[in-house]
């Protein structure tokens, strides 16, 4: 659903009304929720979530929609995903560099997005998890 990534909310809503599969991913596992999260469209994120989009799906790099939004500096979208029930302490279990073991908090910290960091901490994100490379939130630059 390209409309989710481009921010075409009327088209997204029309497709949702027609029963489009909100969890259908591309061959790399990239879903409409991930497209909206990456592109920073919190209203579309909310529309997709209210239509059954799953928050815990991962792409082939092990990234969730929340991780993607946090890594792209999309603090409003991060907040929408948190409100929708996203796991704020999920860990990217992929062994692929450079983000193996990163949590949404680590992605937000690396992006220097204080608003997203504060939202994640306020939602109870685990601050003492370390990445696979033994890096913690404080050690990410």
Protein backbone atom coordinates (compact mmCIF):
# COMPACT_ATOMS: atom_id res chain seq x y z
CA UNK A 1 0.00 0.00 0.00
CA UNK A 2 2.13 2.86 -1.33
CA UNK A 3 -0.52 5.32 -0.13
CA UNK A 4 0.55 4.69 3.49
CA UNK A 5 4.11 5.76 2.78
CA UNK A 6 3.22 8.75 0.64
CA UNK A 7 0.71 10.08 3.16
CA UNK A 8 -2.37 9.77 0.96
CA UNK A 9 -4.83 9.37 3.84
CA UNK A 10 -8.03 9.53 1.74
CA UNK A 11 -6.73 6.67 -0.43
CA UNK A 12 -5.61 4.69 2.63
CA UNK A 13 -9.06 5.12 4.17
CA UNK A 14 -10.77 4.06 0.93
CA UNK A 15 -8.58 0.94 0.71
CA UNK A 16 -9.28 0.12 4.36
CA UNK A 17 -13.02 0.42 3.73
CA UNK A 18 -12.63 -2.06 0.87
CA UNK A 19 -10.97 -4.56 3.20
CA UNK A 20 -7.35 -4.39 2.07
CA UNK A 21 -5.01 -6.66 4.06
CA UNK A 22 -3.30 -4.18 6.37
CA UNK A 23 -0.62 -6.71 7.30
CA UNK A 24 0.38 -7.75 3.79
CA UNK A 25 4.07 -7.15 3.39
CA UNK A 26 6.40 -6.95 0.47
CA UNK A 27 8.88 -9.78 -0.01
CA UNK A 28 11.22 -8.02 2.42
CA UNK A 29 8.47 -7.96 5.05
CA UNK A 30 7.87 -4.20 4.78
CA UNK A 31 4.22 -3.55 5.69
CA UNK A 32 1.92 -0.53 5.19
CA UNK A 33 2.33 0.28 8.91
CA UNK A 34 6.10 0.34 8.46
CA UNK A 35 5.73 2.59 5.40
CA UNK A 36 3.59 5.07 7.35
CA UNK A 37 5.91 4.91 10.36
CA UNK A 38 9.06 5.43 8.31
CA UNK A 39 7.55 8.33 6.39
CA UNK A 40 6.12 10.03 9.47
CA UNK A 41 2.36 9.80 9.00
CA UNK A 42 0.90 9.35 12.51
CA UNK A 43 -2.73 9.74 11.36
CA UNK A 44 -2.29 6.90 8.87
CA UNK A 45 -0.55 4.85 11.56
CA UNK A 46 -3.63 5.28 13.76
CA UNK A 47 -5.95 4.38 10.85
CA UNK A 48 -3.98 1.21 10.14
CA UNK A 49 -3.88 0.22 13.81
CA UNK A 50 -7.63 0.70 14.17
CA UNK A 51 -8.05 -1.57 11.14
CA UNK A 52 -6.00 -4.38 12.66
CA UNK A 53 -2.41 -3.67 11.66
CA UNK A 54 -0.06 -5.75 13.80
CA UNK A 55 2.57 -3.86 15.73
CA UNK A 56 4.95 -6.78 16.24
CA UNK A 57 5.61 -7.65 12.60
CA UNK A 58 9.24 -7.34 11.50
CA UNK A 59 10.90 -6.81 8.16
CA UNK A 60 13.76 -8.99 6.94
CA UNK A 61 16.22 -6.84 8.94
CA UNK A 62 14.34 -7.54 12.19
CA UNK A 63 12.90 -4.03 12.43
CA UNK A 64 9.44 -3.19 13.78
CA UNK A 65 7.46 -0.12 12.79
CA UNK A 66 8.41 1.52 16.10
CA UNK A 67 12.11 0.87 15.52
CA UNK A 68 11.81 2.37 12.05
CA UNK A 69 10.00 5.48 13.24
CA UNK A 70 12.54 5.97 16.04
CA UNK A 71 15.47 5.56 13.64
CA UNK A 72 14.00 8.13 11.25
CA UNK A 73 13.31 10.86 13.82
CA UNK A 74 9.54 10.55 13.52
CA UNK A 75 8.66 11.45 17.12
CA UNK A 76 4.95 12.04 16.44
CA UNK A 77 4.74 8.64 14.81
CA UNK A 78 6.70 7.08 17.68
CA UNK A 79 4.07 8.49 20.05
CA UNK A 80 1.20 7.14 17.92
CA UNK A 81 2.77 3.67 17.90
CA UNK A 82 3.33 3.79 21.66
CA UNK A 83 -0.30 4.81 22.19
CA UNK A 84 -1.29 1.93 19.92
CA UNK A 85 0.52 -0.53 22.18
CA UNK A 86 3.90 -1.05 20.51
CA UNK A 87 6.52 -2.90 22.55
CA UNK A 88 8.86 -0.08 23.59
CA UNK A 89 11.56 -2.52 24.70
CA UNK A 90 11.53 -4.85 21.69
CA UNK A 91 14.97 -5.80 20.50
CA UNK A 92 16.11 -6.25 16.94
CA UNK A 93 17.33 -9.85 17.07
CA UNK A 94 18.94 -9.67 13.65
CA UNK A 95 22.67 -10.24 13.54
CA UNK A 96 22.94 -7.85 10.62
CA UNK A 97 25.11 -4.82 11.25
CA UNK A 98 24.78 -2.12 12.29
CA UNK A 99 21.59 -2.46 14.34
CA UNK A 100 21.74 -5.97 15.79
CA UNK A 101 20.16 -5.92 19.22
CA UNK A 102 19.01 -2.30 19.05
CA UNK A 103 15.80 -1.28 20.80
CA UNK A 104 13.56 1.62 19.74
CA UNK A 105 15.21 3.69 22.48
CA UNK A 106 18.65 3.03 21.00
CA UNK A 107 17.43 4.05 17.55
CA UNK A 108 15.96 7.30 18.92
CA UNK A 109 19.13 8.05 20.89
CA UNK A 110 21.33 7.45 17.85
CA UNK A 111 19.11 9.83 15.92
CA UNK A 112 19.44 12.40 18.73
CA UNK A 113 15.63 12.64 18.92
CA UNK A 114 15.03 13.82 22.50
CA UNK A 115 11.26 13.93 22.02
CA UNK A 116 11.14 10.27 20.97
CA UNK A 117 13.62 9.29 23.72
CA UNK A 118 11.41 10.96 26.33
CA UNK A 119 8.25 9.35 24.92
CA UNK A 120 9.87 5.90 24.99
CA UNK A 121 11.22 6.38 28.51
CA UNK A 122 7.82 7.66 29.65
CA UNK A 123 6.26 4.50 28.26
CA UNK A 124 8.68 2.32 30.23
CA UNK A 125 11.36 1.51 27.66
CA UNK A 126 14.15 -0.59 29.13
CA UNK A 127 17.09 1.75 29.50
CA UNK A 128 19.71 -0.83 30.48
CA UNK A 129 19.44 -3.26 27.57
CA UNK A 130 22.57 -3.54 25.48
CA UNK A 131 22.93 -4.16 21.77
CA UNK A 132 24.62 -7.27 20.41
CA UNK A 133 27.83 -5.22 20.14
CA UNK A 134 27.57 -4.58 23.89
CA UNK A 135 26.62 -0.95 23.34
CA UNK A 136 24.11 0.66 25.68
CA UNK A 137 21.89 3.67 25.12
CA UNK A 138 24.49 5.97 26.67
CA UNK A 139 27.21 4.58 24.41
CA UNK A 140 25.39 5.17 21.14
CA UNK A 141 26.48 8.16 19.13
